[in-house]
Structure formats: structure tokens, C-alpha cells
Amino acid sequence: MAEKVSGATEQFDFEKQKRKDEMKQQVITFVLMIVFTIVAFAMIEAELDRLFVIPVLLVLAAIQVGFQVYYFMHMSHKGHELPAVMFYGGVFTAFLTILALTVLVWW
């Protein structure tokens, strides 16, 4: 009986630490996204050159989308492999479509 209680306590402590680590990652990611947003607004407010600002804004936006998908939509968890494959397949298809249309327009 003592082994059952000990095993349950260890499992509970493990789950508690796992949830604590996950919450820590989500808070850090949230803070980073806020910082990226502030940087984007600061670049616009500083009236920097468009050729510099636009690519940097696109990179910051892509990073934020990655954070939201991976952490806030829990794509990093086990059991979410199929939704992740579907999502990344859709992103790949969208990329190929945009690339093909760009080639057709510029050719």
C-alpha cells in the first residue's frame, strides 16, 4: 500500500513539474511576442527605411506565428502529430501556390 501512495506522489510531482515548465515556456513566449510587437511599432515610429523595415516586420511576424502555433495551440504535445502535419502541409501548399503565382506574374 505504501508503494502505491509513493508512486502516486511521484507521478503527481512529475505532472506538477511538467505543467510548471510548460507555463514557464508560455509566459516567456508571451513576453517575447510583446517585445517583438513593441520593436515593430518602434521601427515604424522611427520612420526607418522601408527596405529595412518590411523584411524585418515579416520575419518578426513569422516568428510570432510560429510561437503561437507551437506553444499556444499546443502543437508541441504528444498526440498532436496529425494536426501538426496537416497545418505544415497547408503552409507548404500555400508557399508553393504563392511561389507559382509569383513566377507566373514575373515571367
PDB file of N, CA and C in Angstrom:
ATOM      1  N   MET A   1       0.823  -1.197   0.000  1.00  0.00           N
ATOM      2  CA  MET A   1       0.000   0.000   0.000  1.00  0.00           C
ATOM      3  C   MET A   1       0.867   1.262   0.000  1.00  0.00           C
ATOM      4  N   ALA A   2       1.965   1.207   0.723  1.00  0.00           N
ATOM      5  CA  ALA A   2       2.852   2.364   0.795  1.00  0.00           C
ATOM      6  C   ALA A   2       3.490   2.635  -0.561  1.00  0.00           C
ATOM      7  N   GLU A   3       3.739   1.552  -1.326  1.00  0.00           N
ATOM      8  CA  GLU A   3       4.322   1.725  -2.653  1.00  0.00           C
ATOM      9  C   GLU A   3       3.368   2.452  -3.583  1.00  0.00           C
ATOM     10  N   LYS A   4       2.070   2.144  -3.486  1.00  0.00           N
ATOM     11  CA  LYS A   4       1.066   2.811  -4.312  1.00  0.00           C
ATOM     12  C   LYS A   4       1.028   4.297  -4.012  1.00  0.00           C
ATOM     13  N   VAL A   5       1.034   4.646  -2.744  1.00  0.00           N
ATOM     14  CA  VAL A   5       0.989   6.049  -2.342  1.00  0.00           C
ATOM     15  C   VAL A   5       2.261   6.761  -2.792  1.00  0.00           C
ATOM     16  N   SER A   6       3.392   6.109  -2.629  1.00  0.00           N
ATOM     17  CA  SER A   6       4.662   6.687  -3.045  1.00  0.00           C
ATOM     18  C   SER A   6       4.701   6.891  -4.555  1.00  0.00           C
ATOM     19  N   GLY A   7       4.230   5.897  -5.310  1.00  0.00           N
ATOM     20  CA  GLY A   7       4.194   6.009  -6.768  1.00  0.00           C
ATOM     21  C   GLY A   7       3.248   7.102  -7.234  1.00  0.00           C
ATOM     22  N   ALA A   8       2.103   7.214  -6.574  1.00  0.00           N
ATOM     23  CA  ALA A   8       1.135   8.254  -6.926  1.00  0.00           C
ATOM     24  C   ALA A   8       1.701   9.636  -6.619  1.00  0.00           C
ATOM     25  N   THR A   9       2.410   9.748  -5.509  1.00  0.00           N
ATOM     26  CA  THR A   9       3.016  11.030  -5.142  1.00  0.00           C
ATOM     27  C   THR A   9       4.091  11.420  -6.144  1.00  0.00           C
ATOM     28  N   GLU A  10       4.911  10.464  -6.542  1.00  0.00           N
ATOM     29  CA  GLU A  10       5.950  10.744  -7.531  1.00  0.00           C
ATOM     30  C   GLU A  10       5.333  11.154  -8.867  1.00  0.00           C
ATOM     31  N   GLN A  11       4.279  10.467  -9.277  1.00  0.00           N
ATOM     32  CA  GLN A  11       3.591  10.809 -10.528  1.00  0.00           C
ATOM     33  C   GLN A  11       2.998  12.211 -10.435  1.00  0.00           C
ATOM     34  N   PHE A  12       2.387  12.528  -9.300  1.00  0.00           N
ATOM     35  CA  PHE A  12       1.802  13.855  -9.101  1.00  0.00           C
ATOM     36  C   PHE A  12       2.881  14.928  -9.169  1.00  0.00           C
ATOM     37  N   ASP A  13       4.018  14.684  -8.494  1.00  0.00           N
ATOM     38  CA  ASP A  13       5.126  15.656  -8.528  1.00  0.00           C
ATOM     39  C   ASP A  13       5.669  15.828  -9.932  1.00  0.00           C
ATOM     40  N   PHE A  14       5.769  14.723 -10.679  1.00  0.00           N
ATOM     41  CA  PHE A  14       6.239  14.795 -12.059  1.00  0.00           C
ATOM     42  C   PHE A  14       5.301  15.633 -12.921  1.00  0.00           C
ATOM     43  N   GLU A  15       4.001  15.373 -12.814  1.00  0.00           N
ATOM     44  CA  GLU A  15       2.999  16.124 -13.587  1.00  0.00           C
ATOM     45  C   GLU A  15       3.006  17.598 -13.197  1.00  0.00           C
ATOM     46  N   LYS A  16       3.146  17.870 -11.910  1.00  0.00           N
ATOM     47  CA  LYS A  16       3.178  19.252 -11.425  1.00  0.00           C
ATOM     48  C   LYS A  16       4.381  19.998 -12.002  1.00  0.00           C
ATOM     49  N   GLN A  17       5.554  19.358 -12.002  1.00  0.00           N
ATOM     50  CA  GLN A  17       6.755  19.984 -12.559  1.00  0.00           C
ATOM     51  C   GLN A  17       6.611  20.186 -14.061  1.00  0.00           C
ATOM     52  N   LYS A  18       6.018  19.218 -14.734  1.00  0.00           N
ATOM     53  CA  LYS A  18       5.809  19.311 -16.178  1.00  0.00           C
ATOM     54  C   LYS A  18       4.899  20.502 -16.514  1.00  0.00           C
ATOM     55  N   ARG A  19       3.817  20.655 -15.778  1.00  0.00           N
ATOM     56  CA  ARG A  19       2.900  21.782 -16.001  1.00  0.00           C
ATOM     57  C   ARG A  19       3.566  23.109 -15.677  1.00  0.00           C
ATOM     58  N   LYS A  20       4.388  23.114 -14.623  1.00  0.00           N
ATOM     59  CA  LYS A  20       5.104  24.335 -14.249  1.00  0.00           C
ATOM     60  C   LYS A  20       6.064  24.752 -15.362  1.00  0.00           C
ATOM     61  N   ASP A  21       6.796  23.793 -15.909  1.00  0.00           N
ATOM     62  CA  ASP A  21       7.726  24.088 -17.008  1.00  0.00           C
ATOM     63  C   ASP A  21       6.978  24.586 -18.247  1.00  0.00           C
ATOM     64  N   GLU A  22       5.825  23.969 -18.532  1.00  0.00           N
ATOM     65  CA  GLU A  22       5.036  24.391 -19.687  1.00  0.00           C
ATOM     66  C   GLU A  22       4.525  25.818 -19.513  1.00  0.00           C
ATOM     67  N   MET A  23       4.053  26.148 -18.318  1.00  0.00           N
ATOM     68  CA  MET A  23       3.573  27.505 -18.053  1.00  0.00           C
ATOM     69  C   MET A  23       4.715  28.512 -18.174  1.00  0.00           C
ATOM     70  N   LYS A  24       5.895  28.125 -17.705  1.00  0.00           N
ATOM     71  CA  LYS A  24       7.065  28.994 -17.809  1.00  0.00           C
ATOM     72  C   LYS A  24       7.387  29.273 -19.281  1.00  0.00           C
ATOM     73  N   GLN A  25       7.338  28.246 -20.115  1.00  0.00           N
ATOM     74  CA  GLN A  25       7.588  28.429 -21.549  1.00  0.00           C
ATOM     75  C   GLN A  25       6.543  29.340 -22.176  1.00  0.00           C
ATOM     76  N   GLN A  26       5.289  29.191 -21.791  1.00  0.00           N
ATOM     77  CA  GLN A  26       4.248  30.024 -22.360  1.00  0.00           C
ATOM     78  C   GLN A  26       4.404  31.485 -21.944  1.00  0.00           C
ATOM     79  N   VAL A  27       4.779  31.728 -20.704  1.00  0.00           N
ATOM     80  CA  VAL A  27       4.981  33.107 -20.240  1.00  0.00           C
ATOM     81  C   VAL A  27       6.168  33.735 -20.975  1.00  0.00           C
ATOM     82  N   ILE A  28       7.255  33.001 -21.108  1.00  0.00           N
ATOM     83  CA  ILE A  28       8.427  33.519 -21.825  1.00  0.00           C
ATOM     84  C   ILE A  28       8.068  33.822 -23.275  1.00  0.00           C
ATOM     85  N   THR A  29       7.328  32.934 -23.913  1.00  0.00           N
ATOM     86  CA  THR A  29       6.913  33.141 -25.300  1.00  0.00           C
ATOM     87  C   THR A  29       6.011  34.359 -25.415  1.00  0.00           C
ATOM     88  N   PHE A  30       5.085  34.526 -24.481  1.00  0.00           N
ATOM     89  CA  PHE A  30       4.189  35.677 -24.493  1.00  0.00           C
ATOM     90  C   PHE A  30       4.980  36.977 -24.363  1.00  0.00           C
ATOM     91  N   VAL A  31       5.948  36.998 -23.451  1.00  0.00           N
ATOM     92  CA  VAL A  31       6.771  38.196 -23.260  1.00  0.00           C
ATOM     93  C   VAL A  31       7.566  38.492 -24.525  1.00  0.00           C
ATOM     94  N   LEU A  32       8.118  37.461 -25.156  1.00  0.00           N
ATOM     95  CA  LEU A  32       8.860  37.671 -26.405  1.00  0.00           C
ATOM     96  C   LEU A  32       7.954  38.245 -27.500  1.00  0.00           C
ATOM     97  N   MET A  33       6.727  37.758 -27.585  1.00  0.00           N
ATOM     98  CA  MET A  33       5.818  38.276 -28.605  1.00  0.00           C
ATOM     99  C   MET A  33       5.465  39.741 -28.336  1.00  0.00           C
ATOM    100  N   ILE A  34       5.308  40.107 -27.082  1.00  0.00           N
ATOM    101  CA  ILE A  34       5.061  41.508 -26.736  1.00  0.00           C
ATOM    102  C   ILE A  34       6.270  42.363 -27.112  1.00  0.00           C
ATOM    103  N   VAL A  35       7.465  41.865 -26.831  1.00  0.00           N
ATOM    104  CA  VAL A  35       8.689  42.597 -27.187  1.00  0.00           C
ATOM    105  C   VAL A  35       8.787  42.759 -28.709  1.00  0.00           C
ATOM    106  N   PHE A  36       8.493  41.697 -29.463  1.00  0.00           N
ATOM    107  CA  PHE A  36       8.530  41.787 -30.927  1.00  0.00           C
ATOM    108  C   PHE A  36       7.534  42.829 -31.433  1.00  0.00           C
ATOM    109  N   THR A  37       6.362  42.888 -30.820  1.00  0.00           N
ATOM    110  CA  THR A  37       5.355  43.863 -31.222  1.00  0.00           C
ATOM    111  C   THR A  37       5.831  45.284 -30.924  1.00  0.00           C
ATOM    112  N   ILE A  38       6.431  45.486 -29.766  1.00  0.00           N
ATOM    113  CA  ILE A  38       6.957  46.807 -29.418  1.00  0.00           C
ATOM    114  C   ILE A  38       8.069  47.205 -30.374  1.00  0.00           C
ATOM    115  N   VAL A  39       8.948  46.271 -30.717  1.00  0.00           N
ATOM    116  CA  VAL A  39      10.022  46.555 -31.681  1.00  0.00           C
ATOM    117  C   VAL A  39       9.436  46.949 -33.032  1.00  0.00           C
ATOM    118  N   ALA A  40       8.395  46.240 -33.465  1.00  0.00           N
ATOM    119  CA  ALA A  40       7.762  46.566 -34.747  1.00  0.00           C
ATOM    120  C   ALA A  40       7.175  47.972 -34.727  1.00  0.00           C
ATOM    121  N   PHE A  41       6.454  48.306 -33.666  1.00  0.00           N
ATOM    122  CA  PHE A  41       5.896  49.657 -33.564  1.00  0.00           C
ATOM    123  C   PHE A  41       7.002  50.705 -33.499  1.00  0.00           C
ATOM    124  N   ALA A  42       8.078  50.419 -32.789  1.00  0.00           N
ATOM    125  CA  ALA A  42       9.189  51.376 -32.675  1.00  0.00           C
ATOM    126  C   ALA A  42       9.853  51.607 -34.029  1.00  0.00           C
ATOM    127  N   MET A  43       9.999  50.554 -34.822  1.00  0.00           N
ATOM    128  CA  MET A  43      10.610  50.727 -36.145  1.00  0.00           C
ATOM    129  C   MET A  43       9.728  51.601 -37.033  1.00  0.00           C
ATOM    130  N   ILE A  44       8.432  51.411 -36.962  1.00  0.00           N
ATOM    131  CA  ILE A  44       7.518  52.228 -37.758  1.00  0.00           C
ATOM    132  C   ILE A  44       7.544  53.667 -37.273  1.00  0.00           C
ATOM    133  N   GLU A  45       7.520  53.845 -35.965  1.00  0.00           N
ATOM    134  CA  GLU A  45       7.519  55.188 -35.387  1.00  0.00           C
ATOM    135  C   GLU A  45       8.827  55.922 -35.690  1.00  0.00           C
ATOM    136  N   ALA A  46       9.938  55.198 -35.766  1.00  0.00           N
ATOM    137  CA  ALA A  46      11.234  55.815 -36.046  1.00  0.00           C
ATOM    138  C   ALA A  46      11.386  56.193 -37.516  1.00  0.00           C
ATOM    139  N   GLU A  47      10.433  55.780 -38.339  1.00  0.00           N
ATOM    140  CA  GLU A  47      10.428  56.087 -39.771  1.00  0.00           C
ATOM    141  C   GLU A  47      11.737  55.639 -40.451  1.00  0.00           C
ATOM    142  N   LEU A  48      12.103  54.394 -40.170  1.00  0.00           N
ATOM    143  CA  LEU A  48      13.285  53.815 -40.811  1.00  0.00           C
ATOM    144  C   LEU A  48      12.986  53.533 -42.282  1.00  0.00           C
ATOM    145  N   ASP A  49      14.024  53.194 -43.024  1.00  0.00           N
ATOM    146  CA  ASP A  49      13.883  52.911 -44.451  1.00  0.00           C
ATOM    147  C   ASP A  49      12.968  51.704 -44.676  1.00  0.00           C
ATOM    148  N   ARG A  50      12.076  51.823 -45.642  1.00  0.00           N
ATOM    149  CA  ARG A  50      11.118  50.752 -45.936  1.00  0.00           C
ATOM    150  C   ARG A  50      11.805  49.447 -46.331  1.00  0.00           C
ATOM    151  N   LEU A  51      12.911  49.543 -47.050  1.00  0.00           N
ATOM    152  CA  LEU A  51      13.610  48.332 -47.481  1.00  0.00           C
ATOM    153  C   LEU A  51      14.191  47.550 -46.306  1.00  0.00           C
ATOM    154  N   PHE A  52      14.370  48.205 -45.184  1.00  0.00           N
ATOM    155  CA  PHE A  52      14.825  47.532 -43.975  1.00  0.00           C
ATOM    156  C   PHE A  52      13.639  47.063 -43.129  1.00  0.00           C
ATOM    157  N   VAL A  53      12.640  47.917 -42.994  1.00  0.00           N
ATOM    158  CA  VAL A  53      11.535  47.656 -42.076  1.00  0.00           C
ATOM    159  C   VAL A  53      10.655  46.499 -42.547  1.00  0.00           C
ATOM    160  N   ILE A  54      10.294  46.468 -43.805  1.00  0.00           N
ATOM    161  CA  ILE A  54       9.354  45.453 -44.292  1.00  0.00           C
ATOM    162  C   ILE A  54       9.881  44.028 -44.094  1.00  0.00           C
ATOM    163  N   PRO A  55      11.114  43.714 -44.504  1.00  0.00           N
ATOM    164  CA  PRO A  55      11.599  42.342 -44.258  1.00  0.00           C
ATOM    165  C   PRO A  55      11.690  41.997 -42.765  1.00  0.00           C
ATOM    166  N   VAL A  56      12.106  42.960 -41.943  1.00  0.00           N
ATOM    167  CA  VAL A  56      12.208  42.698 -40.505  1.00  0.00           C
ATOM    168  C   VAL A  56      10.823  42.451 -39.919  1.00  0.00           C
ATOM    169  N   LEU A  57       9.832  43.225 -40.345  1.00  0.00           N
ATOM    170  CA  LEU A  57       8.462  43.016 -39.867  1.00  0.00           C
ATOM    171  C   LEU A  57       7.935  41.644 -40.279  1.00  0.00           C
ATOM    172  N   LEU A  58       8.237  41.227 -41.491  1.00  0.00           N
ATOM    173  CA  LEU A  58       7.791  39.913 -41.947  1.00  0.00           C
ATOM    174  C   LEU A  58       8.446  38.789 -41.147  1.00  0.00           C
ATOM    175  N   VAL A  59       9.709  38.945 -40.833  1.00  0.00           N
ATOM    176  CA  VAL A  59      10.404  37.934 -40.023  1.00  0.00           C
ATOM    177  C   VAL A  59       9.829  37.887 -38.609  1.00  0.00           C
ATOM    178  N   LEU A  60       9.609  39.063 -38.016  1.00  0.00           N
ATOM    179  CA  LEU A  60       9.020  39.102 -36.670  1.00  0.00           C
ATOM    180  C   LEU A  60       7.620  38.487 -36.673  1.00  0.00           C
ATOM    181  N   ALA A  61       6.842  38.756 -37.713  1.00  0.00           N
ATOM    182  CA  ALA A  61       5.501  38.181 -37.807  1.00  0.00           C
ATOM    183  C   ALA A  61       5.569  36.660 -37.955  1.00  0.00           C
ATOM    184  N   ALA A  62       6.491  36.171 -38.757  1.00  0.00           N
ATOM    185  CA  ALA A  62       6.632  34.721 -38.938  1.00  0.00           C
ATOM    186  C   ALA A  62       7.039  34.048 -37.621  1.00  0.00           C
ATOM    187  N   ILE A  63       7.926  34.678 -36.875  1.00  0.00           N
ATOM    188  CA  ILE A  63       8.342  34.133 -35.584  1.00  0.00           C
ATOM    189  C   ILE A  63       7.155  34.085 -34.626  1.00  0.00           C
ATOM    190  N   GLN A  64       6.347  35.142 -34.620  1.00  0.00           N
ATOM    191  CA  GLN A  64       5.184  35.166 -33.735  1.00  0.00           C
ATOM    192  C   GLN A  64       4.171  34.100 -34.115  1.00  0.00           C
ATOM    193  N   VAL A  65       3.960  33.890 -35.394  1.00  0.00           N
ATOM    194  CA  VAL A  65       3.045  32.824 -35.828  1.00  0.00           C
ATOM    195  C   VAL A  65       3.580  31.470 -35.375  1.00  0.00           C
ATOM    196  N   GLY A  66       4.873  31.267 -35.526  1.00  0.00           N
ATOM    197  CA  GLY A  66       5.481  30.014 -35.064  1.00  0.00           C
ATOM    198  C   GLY A  66       5.297  29.802 -33.572  1.00  0.00           C
ATOM    199  N   PHE A  67       5.529  30.855 -32.776  1.00  0.00           N
ATOM    200  CA  PHE A  67       5.310  30.761 -31.330  1.00  0.00           C
ATOM    201  C   PHE A  67       3.867  30.404 -31.009  1.00  0.00           C
ATOM    202  N   GLN A  68       2.932  31.070 -31.678  1.00  0.00           N
ATOM    203  CA  GLN A  68       1.524  30.828 -31.373  1.00  0.00           C
ATOM    204  C   GLN A  68       1.114  29.406 -31.742  1.00  0.00           C
ATOM    205  N   VAL A  69       1.586  28.934 -32.870  1.00  0.00           N
ATOM    206  CA  VAL A  69       1.227  27.580 -33.282  1.00  0.00           C
ATOM    207  C   VAL A  69       1.874  26.552 -32.360  1.00  0.00           C
ATOM    208  N   TYR A  70       3.141  26.725 -32.104  1.00  0.00           N
ATOM    209  CA  TYR A  70       3.875  25.704 -31.363  1.00  0.00           C
ATOM    210  C   TYR A  70       3.515  25.682 -29.882  1.00  0.00           C
ATOM    211  N   TYR A  71       3.419  26.855 -29.247  1.00  0.00           N
ATOM    212  CA  TYR A  71       3.183  26.884 -27.805  1.00  0.00           C
ATOM    213  C   TYR A  71       1.714  27.066 -27.441  1.00  0.00           C
ATOM    214  N   PHE A  72       1.040  28.059 -28.023  1.00  0.00           N
ATOM    215  CA  PHE A  72      -0.312  28.367 -27.578  1.00  0.00           C
ATOM    216  C   PHE A  72      -1.361  27.428 -28.159  1.00  0.00           C
ATOM    217  N   MET A  73      -1.084  26.803 -29.284  1.00  0.00           N
ATOM    218  CA  MET A  73      -2.004  25.809 -29.831  1.00  0.00           C
ATOM    219  C   MET A  73      -1.550  24.395 -29.454  1.00  0.00           C
ATOM    220  N   HIS A  74      -0.521  24.303 -28.626  1.00  0.00           N
ATOM    221  CA  HIS A  74      -0.044  23.039 -28.055  1.00  0.00           C
ATOM    222  C   HIS A  74       0.368  22.013 -29.115  1.00  0.00           C
ATOM    223  N   MET A  75       0.936  22.478 -30.214  1.00  0.00           N
ATOM    224  CA  MET A  75       1.405  21.553 -31.239  1.00  0.00           C
ATOM    225  C   MET A  75       2.636  20.776 -30.781  1.00  0.00           C
ATOM    226  N   SER A  76       3.247  21.202 -29.686  1.00  0.00           N
ATOM    227  CA  SER A  76       4.438  20.510 -29.198  1.00  0.00           C
ATOM    228  C   SER A  76       4.088  19.282 -28.355  1.00  0.00           C
ATOM    229  N   HIS A  77       2.811  19.118 -28.017  1.00  0.00           N
ATOM    230  CA  HIS A  77       2.404  17.996 -27.166  1.00  0.00           C
ATOM    231  C   HIS A  77       2.269  16.700 -27.951  1.00  0.00           C
ATOM    232  N   LYS A  78       2.431  15.598 -27.233  1.00  0.00           N
ATOM    233  CA  LYS A  78       2.200  14.291 -27.848  1.00  0.00           C
ATOM    234  C   LYS A  78       0.718  14.156 -28.183  1.00  0.00           C
ATOM    235  N   GLY A  79       0.446  13.450 -29.262  1.00  0.00           N
ATOM    236  CA  GLY A  79      -0.928  13.258 -29.685  1.00  0.00           C
ATOM    237  C   GLY A  79      -1.413  14.311 -30.666  1.00  0.00           C
ATOM    238  N   HIS A  80      -0.587  15.314 -30.948  1.00  0.00           N
ATOM    239  CA  HIS A  80      -0.958  16.366 -31.885  1.00  0.00           C
ATOM    240  C   HIS A  80      -0.157  16.273 -33.174  1.00  0.00           C
ATOM    241  N   GLU A  81       0.312  15.081 -33.486  1.00  0.00           N
ATOM    242  CA  GLU A  81       1.131  14.918 -34.680  1.00  0.00           C
ATOM    243  C   GLU A  81       0.312  15.119 -35.957  1.00  0.00           C
ATOM    244  N   LEU A  82      -0.892  14.545 -36.015  1.00  0.00           N
ATOM    245  CA  LEU A  82      -1.719  14.679 -37.215  1.00  0.00           C
ATOM    246  C   LEU A  82      -2.121  16.128 -37.469  1.00  0.00           C
ATOM    247  N   PRO A  83      -2.621  16.875 -36.472  1.00  0.00           N
ATOM    248  CA  PRO A  83      -2.913  18.286 -36.730  1.00  0.00           C
ATOM    249  C   PRO A  83      -1.674  19.071 -37.154  1.00  0.00           C
ATOM    250  N   ALA A  84      -0.522  18.728 -36.585  1.00  0.00           N
ATOM    251  CA  ALA A  84       0.710  19.424 -36.965  1.00  0.00           C
ATOM    252  C   ALA A  84       1.065  19.138 -38.421  1.00  0.00           C
ATOM    253  N   VAL A  85       0.941  17.880 -38.835  1.00  0.00           N
ATOM    254  CA  VAL A  85       1.226  17.524 -40.230  1.00  0.00           C
ATOM    255  C   VAL A  85       0.268  18.250 -41.169  1.00  0.00           C
ATOM    256  N   MET A  86      -1.016  18.291 -40.809  1.00  0.00           N
ATOM    257  CA  MET A  86      -1.998  18.992 -41.635  1.00  0.00           C
ATOM    258  C   MET A  86      -1.680  20.486 -41.727  1.00  0.00           C
ATOM    259  N   PHE A  87      -1.328  21.078 -40.598  1.00  0.00           N
ATOM    260  CA  PHE A  87      -1.011  22.504 -40.587  1.00  0.00           C
ATOM    261  C   PHE A  87       0.211  22.799 -41.452  1.00  0.00           C
ATOM    262  N   TYR A  88       1.282  22.035 -41.234  1.00  0.00           N
ATOM    263  CA  TYR A  88       2.507  22.286 -42.000  1.00  0.00           C
ATOM    264  C   TYR A  88       2.317  21.958 -43.478  1.00  0.00           C
ATOM    265  N   GLY A  89       1.478  20.974 -43.778  1.00  0.00           N
ATOM    266  CA  GLY A  89       1.148  20.688 -45.172  1.00  0.00           C
ATOM    267  C   GLY A  89       0.418  21.848 -45.819  1.00  0.00           C
ATOM    268  N   GLY A  90      -0.492  22.471 -45.081  1.00  0.00           N
ATOM    269  CA  GLY A  90      -1.197  23.645 -45.589  1.00  0.00           C
ATOM    270  C   GLY A  90      -0.272  24.823 -45.807  1.00  0.00           C
ATOM    271  N   VAL A  91       0.652  25.024 -44.887  1.00  0.00           N
ATOM    272  CA  VAL A  91       1.633  26.108 -45.036  1.00  0.00           C
ATOM    273  C   VAL A  91       2.504  25.856 -46.261  1.00  0.00           C
ATOM    274  N   PHE A  92       2.937  24.623 -46.450  1.00  0.00           N
ATOM    275  CA  PHE A  92       3.763  24.276 -47.603  1.00  0.00           C
ATOM    276  C   PHE A  92       2.995  24.486 -48.912  1.00  0.00           C
ATOM    277  N   THR A  93       1.715  24.091 -48.925  1.00  0.00           N
ATOM    278  CA  THR A  93       0.882  24.277 -50.116  1.00  0.00           C
ATOM    279  C   THR A  93       0.692  25.764 -50.408  1.00  0.00           C
ATOM    280  N   ALA A  94       0.451  26.556 -49.380  1.00  0.00           N
ATOM    281  CA  ALA A  94       0.296  27.998 -49.565  1.00  0.00           C
ATOM    282  C   ALA A  94       1.584  28.610 -50.115  1.00  0.00           C
ATOM    283  N   PHE A  95       2.723  28.173 -49.578  1.00  0.00           N
ATOM    284  CA  PHE A  95       4.008  28.665 -50.061  1.00  0.00           C
ATOM    285  C   PHE A  95       4.211  28.331 -51.538  1.00  0.00           C
ATOM    286  N   LEU A  96       3.919  27.086 -51.918  1.00  0.00           N
ATOM    287  CA  LEU A  96       4.066  26.697 -53.321  1.00  0.00           C
ATOM    288  C   LEU A  96       3.121  27.481 -54.228  1.00  0.00           C
ATOM    289  N   THR A  97       1.906  27.734 -53.762  1.00  0.00           N
ATOM    290  CA  THR A  97       0.945  28.493 -54.550  1.00  0.00           C
ATOM    291  C   THR A  97       1.434  29.924 -54.756  1.00  0.00           C
ATOM    292  N   ILE A  98       1.884  30.560 -53.694  1.00  0.00           N
ATOM    293  CA  ILE A  98       2.395  31.932 -53.810  1.00  0.00           C
ATOM    294  C   ILE A  98       3.620  31.967 -54.702  1.00  0.00           C
ATOM    295  N   LEU A  99       4.508  31.000 -54.555  1.00  0.00           N
ATOM    296  CA  LEU A  99       5.698  30.935 -55.390  1.00  0.00           C
ATOM    297  C   LEU A  99       5.323  30.765 -56.865  1.00  0.00           C
ATOM    298  N   ALA A 100       4.378  29.869 -57.159  1.00  0.00           N
ATOM    299  CA  ALA A 100       3.961  29.639 -58.545  1.00  0.00           C
ATOM    300  C   ALA A 100       3.320  30.881 -59.135  1.00  0.00           C
ATOM    301  N   LEU A 101       2.460  31.534 -58.387  1.00  0.00           N
ATOM    302  CA  LEU A 101       1.815  32.759 -58.894  1.00  0.00           C
ATOM    303  C   LEU A 101       2.828  33.881 -59.085  1.00  0.00           C
ATOM    304  N   THR A 102       3.797  33.974 -58.215  1.00  0.00           N
ATOM    305  CA  THR A 102       4.842  34.990 -58.364  1.00  0.00           C
ATOM    306  C   THR A 102       5.665  34.739 -59.618  1.00  0.00           C
ATOM    307  N   VAL A 103       6.007  33.486 -59.867  1.00  0.00           N
ATOM    308  CA  VAL A 103       6.768  33.133 -61.066  1.00  0.00           C
ATOM    309  C   VAL A 103       5.959  33.437 -62.325  1.00  0.00           C
ATOM    310  N   LEU A 104       4.662  33.120 -62.304  1.00  0.00           N
ATOM    311  CA  LEU A 104       3.813  33.386 -63.459  1.00  0.00           C
ATOM    312  C   LEU A 104       3.673  34.878 -63.744  1.00  0.00           C
ATOM    313  N   VAL A 105       3.555  35.671 -62.699  1.00  0.00           N
ATOM    314  CA  VAL A 105       3.383  37.113 -62.886  1.00  0.00           C
ATOM    315  C   VAL A 105       4.681  37.755 -63.373  1.00  0.00           C
ATOM    316  N   TRP A 106       5.815  37.329 -62.872  1.00  0.00           N
ATOM    317  CA  TRP A 106       7.089  37.966 -63.201  1.00  0.00           C
ATOM    318  C   TRP A 106       7.745  37.387 -64.440  1.00  0.00           C
ATOM    319  N   TRP A 107       7.258  36.266 -64.938  1.00  0.00           N
ATOM    320  CA  TRP A 107       7.901  35.637 -66.077  1.00  0.00           C
ATOM    321  C   TRP A 107       7.616  36.394 -67.305  1.00  0.00           C
TER     322      TRP A 107
END
